[in-house]
PDB file of N, CA and C in Angstrom:
ATOM      1  N   MET A   1      34.323 -19.263 -27.176  1.00  0.00           N
ATOM      2  CA  MET A   1      32.676 -19.717 -27.325  1.00  0.00           C
ATOM      3  C   MET A   1      31.910 -19.344 -28.640  1.00  0.00           C
ATOM      4  N   MET A   2      31.929 -20.463 -28.629  1.00  0.00           N
ATOM      5  CA  MET A   2      30.649 -20.775 -30.008  1.00  0.00           C
ATOM      6  C   MET A   2      29.892 -20.516 -29.736  1.00  0.00           C
ATOM      7  N   PRO A   3      28.791 -19.969 -30.995  1.00  0.00           N
ATOM      8  CA  PRO A   3      27.720 -19.513 -31.090  1.00  0.00           C
ATOM      9  C   PRO A   3      26.570 -19.941 -30.593  1.00  0.00           C
ATOM     10  N   ALA A   4      26.993 -21.369 -30.671  1.00  0.00           N
ATOM     11  CA  ALA A   4      25.186 -22.645 -30.112  1.00  0.00           C
ATOM     12  C   ALA A   4      25.876 -21.976 -28.621  1.00  0.00           C
ATOM     13  N   ASP A   5      27.074 -22.723 -27.658  1.00  0.00           N
ATOM     14  CA  ASP A   5      27.242 -21.651 -26.518  1.00  0.00           C
ATOM     15  C   ASP A   5      26.526 -20.066 -25.633  1.00  0.00           C
ATOM     16  N   ARG A   6      26.997 -19.644 -27.106  1.00  0.00           N
ATOM     17  CA  ARG A   6      26.638 -18.554 -27.035  1.00  0.00           C
ATOM     18  C   ARG A   6      24.687 -18.800 -26.800  1.00  0.00           C
ATOM     19  N   LEU A   7      23.912 -18.869 -27.557  1.00  0.00           N
ATOM     20  CA  LEU A   7      22.474 -19.267 -27.564  1.00  0.00           C
ATOM     21  C   LEU A   7      21.978 -19.654 -26.284  1.00  0.00           C
ATOM     22  N   THR A   8      22.426 -21.375 -25.954  1.00  0.00           N
ATOM     23  CA  THR A   8      22.084 -21.448 -24.937  1.00  0.00           C
ATOM     24  C   THR A   8      22.513 -20.299 -23.599  1.00  0.00           C
ATOM     25  N   THR A   9      23.304 -20.294 -23.677  1.00  0.00           N
ATOM     26  CA  THR A   9      23.868 -19.259 -22.536  1.00  0.00           C
ATOM     27  C   THR A   9      22.495 -17.801 -22.056  1.00  0.00           C
ATOM     28  N   LEU A  10      22.130 -17.486 -23.352  1.00  0.00           N
ATOM     29  CA  LEU A  10      21.018 -16.722 -22.758  1.00  0.00           C
ATOM     30  C   LEU A  10      19.279 -17.163 -23.089  1.00  0.00           C
ATOM     31  N   GLU A  11      19.931 -18.512 -23.815  1.00  0.00           N
ATOM     32  CA  GLU A  11      18.113 -18.852 -23.724  1.00  0.00           C
ATOM     33  C   GLU A  11      18.211 -18.917 -21.466  1.00  0.00           C
ATOM     34  N   ILE A  12      19.563 -19.495 -21.147  1.00  0.00           N
ATOM     35  CA  ILE A  12      19.375 -19.551 -19.431  1.00  0.00           C
ATOM     36  C   ILE A  12      19.564 -18.425 -18.961  1.00  0.00           C
ATOM     37  N   ARG A  13      20.067 -17.369 -19.195  1.00  0.00           N
ATOM     38  CA  ARG A  13      19.780 -16.696 -18.831  1.00  0.00           C
ATOM     39  C   ARG A  13      17.753 -15.829 -18.781  1.00  0.00           C
ATOM     40  N   ALA A  14      17.941 -16.147 -19.849  1.00  0.00           N
ATOM     41  CA  ALA A  14      15.701 -15.403 -20.129  1.00  0.00           C
ATOM     42  C   ALA A  14      15.210 -16.284 -19.283  1.00  0.00           C
ATOM     43  N   ALA A  15      15.372 -16.989 -19.291  1.00  0.00           N
ATOM     44  CA  ALA A  15      14.679 -18.440 -18.375  1.00  0.00           C
ATOM     45  C   ALA A  15      15.124 -18.263 -16.789  1.00  0.00           C
ATOM     46  N   GLU A  16      15.627 -17.780 -16.399  1.00  0.00           N
ATOM     47  CA  GLU A  16      16.357 -17.150 -14.432  1.00  0.00           C
ATOM     48  C   GLU A  16      15.910 -15.343 -15.110  1.00  0.00           C
ATOM     49  N   GLN A  17      15.842 -14.784 -16.117  1.00  0.00           N
ATOM     50  CA  GLN A  17      14.806 -13.641 -15.972  1.00  0.00           C
ATOM     51  C   GLN A  17      13.429 -13.481 -15.499  1.00  0.00           C
ATOM     52  N   GLU A  18      13.021 -15.148 -16.305  1.00  0.00           N
ATOM     53  CA  GLU A  18      11.479 -15.118 -16.198  1.00  0.00           C
ATOM     54  C   GLU A  18      11.403 -14.709 -15.334  1.00  0.00           C
ATOM     55  N   LYS A  19      12.205 -16.283 -14.619  1.00  0.00           N
ATOM     56  CA  LYS A  19      11.583 -17.448 -12.647  1.00  0.00           C
ATOM     57  C   LYS A  19      11.354 -15.812 -11.854  1.00  0.00           C
ATOM     58  N   THR A  20      12.266 -15.076 -12.166  1.00  0.00           N
ATOM     59  CA  THR A  20      12.431 -14.091 -11.191  1.00  0.00           C
ATOM     60  C   THR A  20      11.347 -13.014 -10.801  1.00  0.00           C
ATOM     61  N   ILE A  21      10.796 -12.080 -12.499  1.00  0.00           N
ATOM     62  CA  ILE A  21      10.206 -11.498 -13.191  1.00  0.00           C
ATOM     63  C   ILE A  21       8.832 -11.995 -12.228  1.00  0.00           C
ATOM     64  N   GLU A  22       8.634 -13.348 -12.486  1.00  0.00           N
ATOM     65  CA  GLU A  22       7.043 -13.802 -11.766  1.00  0.00           C
ATOM     66  C   GLU A  22       7.273 -14.329 -10.761  1.00  0.00           C
ATOM     67  N   GLU A  23       8.502 -14.420  -9.495  1.00  0.00           N
ATOM     68  CA  GLU A  23       8.286 -14.339  -8.542  1.00  0.00           C
ATOM     69  C   GLU A  23       8.552 -12.820  -7.908  1.00  0.00           C
ATOM     70  N   LEU A  24       9.105 -11.446  -8.383  1.00  0.00           N
ATOM     71  CA  LEU A  24       8.486 -10.066  -7.765  1.00  0.00           C
ATOM     72  C   LEU A  24       6.925 -10.014  -7.915  1.00  0.00           C
ATOM     73  N   SER A  25       6.628 -10.835  -8.900  1.00  0.00           N
ATOM     74  CA  SER A  25       5.591 -10.361  -9.178  1.00  0.00           C
ATOM     75  C   SER A  25       4.000 -10.491  -8.225  1.00  0.00           C
ATOM     76  N   GLY A  26       4.670 -11.677  -8.126  1.00  0.00           N
ATOM     77  CA  GLY A  26       3.794 -12.791  -6.757  1.00  0.00           C
ATOM     78  C   GLY A  26       4.697 -12.120  -5.728  1.00  0.00           C
ATOM     79  N   GLN A  27       5.463 -11.420  -5.216  1.00  0.00           N
ATOM     80  CA  GLN A  27       4.706 -10.337  -3.904  1.00  0.00           C
ATOM     81  C   GLN A  27       5.083  -9.310  -3.451  1.00  0.00           C
ATOM     82  N   ILE A  28       4.793  -8.731  -5.339  1.00  0.00           N
ATOM     83  CA  ILE A  28       3.782  -7.185  -5.699  1.00  0.00           C
ATOM     84  C   ILE A  28       2.584  -8.113  -4.765  1.00  0.00           C
ATOM     85  N   ALA A  29       2.563  -8.479  -5.283  1.00  0.00           N
ATOM     86  CA  ALA A  29       0.669  -9.362  -5.451  1.00  0.00           C
ATOM     87  C   ALA A  29       0.456  -8.962  -4.189  1.00  0.00           C
ATOM     88  N   GLU A  30       1.529  -9.961  -2.806  1.00  0.00           N
ATOM     89  CA  GLU A  30       1.334  -9.678  -1.846  1.00  0.00           C
ATOM     90  C   GLU A  30       1.019  -8.537  -0.280  1.00  0.00           C
ATOM     91  N   GLN A  31       2.428  -8.053  -1.684  1.00  0.00           N
ATOM     92  CA  GLN A  31       2.283  -6.815  -0.381  1.00  0.00           C
ATOM     93  C   GLN A  31       0.865  -5.783  -1.086  1.00  0.00           C
ATOM     94  N   TRP A  32       0.285  -5.411  -1.951  1.00  0.00           N
ATOM     95  CA  TRP A  32      -0.659  -5.370  -2.048  1.00  0.00           C
ATOM     96  C   TRP A  32      -2.384  -5.415  -1.007  1.00  0.00           C
ATOM     97  N   THR A  33      -2.190  -6.742  -1.744  1.00  0.00           N
ATOM     98  CA  THR A  33      -2.590  -6.746  -0.428  1.00  0.00           C
ATOM     99  C   THR A  33      -2.802  -6.991   1.205  1.00  0.00           C
ATOM    100  N   VAL A  34      -1.748  -6.782   1.568  1.00  0.00           N
ATOM    101  CA  VAL A  34      -1.685  -5.921   3.057  1.00  0.00           C
ATOM    102  C   VAL A  34      -1.766  -4.504   3.046  1.00  0.00           C
ATOM    103  N   ILE A  35      -1.426  -4.035   2.174  1.00  0.00           N
ATOM    104  CA  ILE A  35      -1.390  -3.045   1.654  1.00  0.00           C
ATOM    105  C   ILE A  35      -2.956  -2.406   1.697  1.00  0.00           C
ATOM    106  N   GLU A  36      -3.434  -2.591   1.204  1.00  0.00           N
ATOM    107  CA  GLU A  36      -5.240  -2.870   1.193  1.00  0.00           C
ATOM    108  C   GLU A  36      -5.939  -3.068   2.701  1.00  0.00           C
ATOM    109  N   ARG A  37      -5.173  -4.018   3.569  1.00  0.00           N
ATOM    110  CA  ARG A  37      -5.818  -4.622   4.822  1.00  0.00           C
ATOM    111  C   ARG A  37      -5.534  -3.272   5.666  1.00  0.00           C
ATOM    112  N   VAL A  38      -4.367  -2.827   5.174  1.00  0.00           N
ATOM    113  CA  VAL A  38      -3.799  -1.986   6.530  1.00  0.00           C
ATOM    114  C   VAL A  38      -4.843  -0.274   6.039  1.00  0.00           C
ATOM    115  N   GLN A  39      -5.091  -0.681   4.422  1.00  0.00           N
ATOM    116  CA  GLN A  39      -6.138   1.485   4.564  1.00  0.00           C
ATOM    117  C   GLN A  39      -6.957   0.908   4.540  1.00  0.00           C
ATOM    118  N   ARG A  40      -7.366   0.223   5.315  1.00  0.00           N
ATOM    119  CA  ARG A  40      -8.555  -0.023   5.519  1.00  0.00           C
ATOM    120  C   ARG A  40      -8.988  -0.153   6.628  1.00  0.00           C
ATOM    121  N   LYS A  41      -7.712  -1.053   7.504  1.00  0.00           N
ATOM    122  CA  LYS A  41      -7.876  -1.169   9.212  1.00  0.00           C
ATOM    123  C   LYS A  41      -8.013   0.803   9.077  1.00  0.00           C
ATOM    124  N   LEU A  42      -6.735   2.299   8.444  1.00  0.00           N
ATOM    125  CA  LEU A  42      -6.060   2.738   8.577  1.00  0.00           C
ATOM    126  C   LEU A  42      -7.678   3.625   8.674  1.00  0.00           C
ATOM    127  N   ASP A  43      -8.701   3.465   7.340  1.00  0.00           N
ATOM    128  CA  ASP A  43      -9.717   4.816   7.223  1.00  0.00           C
ATOM    129  C   ASP A  43     -10.419   4.017   8.711  1.00  0.00           C
ATOM    130  N   ALA A  44     -10.783   2.939   9.002  1.00  0.00           N
ATOM    131  CA  ALA A  44     -12.086   2.498  10.530  1.00  0.00           C
ATOM    132  C   ALA A  44     -12.053   3.228  10.962  1.00  0.00           C
ATOM    133  N   LEU A  45      -9.777   3.294  11.699  1.00  0.00           N
ATOM    134  CA  LEU A  45      -9.506   3.894  13.097  1.00  0.00           C
ATOM    135  C   LEU A  45      -9.847   5.267  12.026  1.00  0.00           C
ATOM    136  N   THR A  46      -9.780   5.400  11.855  1.00  0.00           N
ATOM    137  CA  THR A  46     -10.045   7.572  11.500  1.00  0.00           C
ATOM    138  C   THR A  46     -11.252   7.714  11.745  1.00  0.00           C
ATOM    139  N   ASP A  47     -12.397   7.318  11.345  1.00  0.00           N
ATOM    140  CA  ASP A  47     -13.663   6.784  11.468  1.00  0.00           C
ATOM    141  C   ASP A  47     -14.231   6.691  13.149  1.00  0.00           C
ATOM    142  N   ARG A  48     -13.059   6.062  13.113  1.00  0.00           N
ATOM    143  CA  ARG A  48     -13.392   5.904  14.871  1.00  0.00           C
ATOM    144  C   ARG A  48     -13.304   7.116  16.223  1.00  0.00           C
ATOM    145  N   PHE A  49     -11.936   8.112  16.083  1.00  0.00           N
ATOM    146  CA  PHE A  49     -10.849   8.891  15.666  1.00  0.00           C
ATOM    147  C   PHE A  49     -12.013  10.164  15.793  1.00  0.00           C
ATOM    148  N   LEU A  50     -12.141  10.681  14.829  1.00  0.00           N
ATOM    149  CA  LEU A  50     -13.546  11.577  14.508  1.00  0.00           C
ATOM    150  C   LEU A  50     -14.421  11.605  15.345  1.00  0.00           C
ATOM    151  N   ALA A  51     -15.284  10.222  15.515  1.00  0.00           N
ATOM    152  CA  ALA A  51     -16.398   9.686  16.655  1.00  0.00           C
ATOM    153  C   ALA A  51     -16.256  10.356  17.967  1.00  0.00           C
ATOM    154  N   LEU A  52     -15.151   9.283  18.024  1.00  0.00           N
ATOM    155  CA  LEU A  52     -14.920   9.950  19.317  1.00  0.00           C
ATOM    156  C   LEU A  52     -14.760  10.931  19.952  1.00  0.00           C
ATOM    157  N   GLU A  53     -13.632  12.004  19.009  1.00  0.00           N
ATOM    158  CA  GLU A  53     -13.459  13.594  18.848  1.00  0.00           C
ATOM    159  C   GLU A  53     -14.845  14.457  19.548  1.00  0.00           C
ATOM    160  N   GLU A  54     -15.520  14.278  17.984  1.00  0.00           N
ATOM    161  CA  GLU A  54     -17.617  14.747  17.978  1.00  0.00           C
ATOM    162  C   GLU A  54     -17.833  14.940  19.296  1.00  0.00           C
ATOM    163  N   GLN A  55     -18.118  13.053  19.678  1.00  0.00           N
ATOM    164  CA  GLN A  55     -18.722  12.992  21.037  1.00  0.00           C
ATOM    165  C   GLN A  55     -18.054  14.067  22.580  1.00  0.00           C
ATOM    166  N   SER A  56     -16.359  13.660  22.520  1.00  0.00           N
ATOM    167  CA  SER A  56     -16.325  14.141  23.674  1.00  0.00           C
ATOM    168  C   SER A  56     -16.093  15.602  22.915  1.00  0.00           C
ATOM    169  N   ALA A  57     -16.130  16.321  22.422  1.00  0.00           N
ATOM    170  CA  ALA A  57     -16.452  18.086  21.880  1.00  0.00           C
ATOM    171  C   ALA A  57     -17.167  18.510  22.584  1.00  0.00           C
ATOM    172  N   PRO A  58     -16.680  19.496  23.298  1.00  0.00           N
ATOM    173  CA  PRO A  58     -18.802  20.503  24.056  1.00  0.00           C
ATOM    174  C   PRO A  58     -18.950  20.830  22.871  1.00  0.00           C
ATOM    175  N   ASP A  59     -19.958  21.029  23.559  1.00  0.00           N
ATOM    176  CA  ASP A  59     -21.283  22.072  22.192  1.00  0.00           C
ATOM    177  C   ASP A  59     -20.497  23.986  22.561  1.00  0.00           C
ATOM    178  N   VAL A  60     -20.487  24.789  22.307  1.00  0.00           N
ATOM    179  CA  VAL A  60     -19.604  25.485  21.855  1.00  0.00           C
ATOM    180  C   VAL A  60     -20.675  26.508  20.900  1.00  0.00           C
ATOM    181  N   PRO A  61     -21.007  27.692  21.854  1.00  0.00           N
ATOM    182  CA  PRO A  61     -22.332  28.062  21.514  1.00  0.00           C
ATOM    183  C   PRO A  61     -21.349  28.982  20.156  1.00  0.00           C
ATOM    184  N   VAL A  62     -22.372  29.210  19.394  1.00  0.00           N
ATOM    185  CA  VAL A  62     -21.054  30.587  19.037  1.00  0.00           C
ATOM    186  C   VAL A  62     -21.761  32.037  18.965  1.00  0.00           C
ATOM    187  N   THR A  63     -21.173  32.590  19.972  1.00  0.00           N
ATOM    188  CA  THR A  63     -21.244  34.229  20.033  1.00  0.00           C
ATOM    189  C   THR A  63     -20.222  35.561  19.762  1.00  0.00           C
ATOM    190  N   LYS A  64     -20.685  36.365  19.529  1.00  0.00           N
ATOM    191  CA  LYS A  64     -20.063  37.426  19.450  1.00  0.00           C
ATOM    192  C   LYS A  64     -19.187  37.469  20.083  1.00  0.00           C
ATOM    193  N   PRO A  65     -17.951  37.707  20.530  1.00  0.00           N
ATOM    194  CA  PRO A  65     -16.677  38.349  21.421  1.00  0.00           C
ATOM    195  C   PRO A  65     -17.724  39.795  21.786  1.00  0.00           C
ATOM    196  N   PRO A  66     -16.722  40.034  22.833  1.00  0.00           N
ATOM    197  CA  PRO A  66     -17.630  40.894  23.633  1.00  0.00           C
ATOM    198  C   PRO A  66     -17.558  42.430  23.129  1.00  0.00           C
ATOM    199  N   HIS A  67     -16.574  42.530  22.992  1.00  0.00           N
ATOM    200  CA  HIS A  67     -16.104  43.659  22.272  1.00  0.00           C
ATOM    201  C   HIS A  67     -17.172  44.508  20.923  1.00  0.00           C
ATOM    202  N   TRP A  68     -18.371  42.980  20.450  1.00  0.00           N
ATOM    203  CA  TRP A  68     -18.736  43.303  18.929  1.00  0.00           C
ATOM    204  C   TRP A  68     -19.469  44.153  19.921  1.00  0.00           C
TER     205      TRP A  68
END
């Protein structure tokens, strides 16, 4: 293989790798958006669950056990 051919091959590979990196970067950005949305939903559901749990829990008076 001649030096010019090797250089052309390396340039093609570099261009292909750059394109792949850009595509992966875009996919990561999309996934991060989804993760943030899911995290917000999880936080909201956690808050709702805790509020419902507080409403349904009976008020238990704090008393000393009989043996005190």
